Amino acid sequence: MTRPYLEDRALFSTGRACLVLALFVLVASSAGAAESALDGYSDHGAFLAQVRELAKSKYVARVSLGETLGGREIVTLSIGAGKRDEKPAVLIVGGVEPVRLVDSEVAFRLAERLVKKAETDASFRAVFDRVTFYVIPRPAPDGAEAFFKRPFRERSVNERPIDEDND
C-alpha cells in the first residue's frame, strides 16, 4: 500500500531544502561582489588622477568650477586648439544623476578619445580648430563618492545637512 501524500511531503521538503541552499550560496557569493561591482569605476581620487593625466595634452585645459560641500573639486575639461573661448562649443555633461556612475565614466572616456584622435589624426585636428568641447564628467562628485564608502549605497544629494523633521 502506497502513501502518495508522504511522497509529496518528502518531495516538498527536498525542494525547500534546495531553495534554502540556493539562497545561501547566492548570498555567500555576493558578499564580496560589492567591490567587484565597482571595478572599472573611479573614486574621486582616481578620477582626479585621470583628469591630471589627460590635462597634460596640449589640447586639454583643466578648469575648476568650484568645490562641493564635501570638499571635492568639480572639474571641467576644455578640449580644443587655439583660442577655445572664441569658437562655437559643444557641452558634454555626464553624471548629472550621481547614482549612475557609468555616465561619468562615459563622458570622461569620450574626452579621452577626442584627445587621442586629435593627437593621431590630422584631419580630426581640424575639428579642434573650429569647435571647442567642454566636458563636465562628474558635476556631483559627493553623490558619486558615496558608492565607494561602506555601507555601499546610492545617494543623489550633496552633503548639505537636511532637517527632515523641520525642528
Foldseek 3Di string as FASTA:
>chain_A
DDDVVVVVVVVVVVVVVVVVVVVVVVVVVCPPVLVVVCPPFDALVVVVVLVVVLCVAPQWDKDWPDAAPVGGTFIKIKGADDPQVVAAEAEAEFCLQLQPRVRLVVLVVVSVVLRVCCVPPVVSNVVRVHYIYIYRSHRANQQNNCCVDPPRDGDRDHPDDDPPVVD
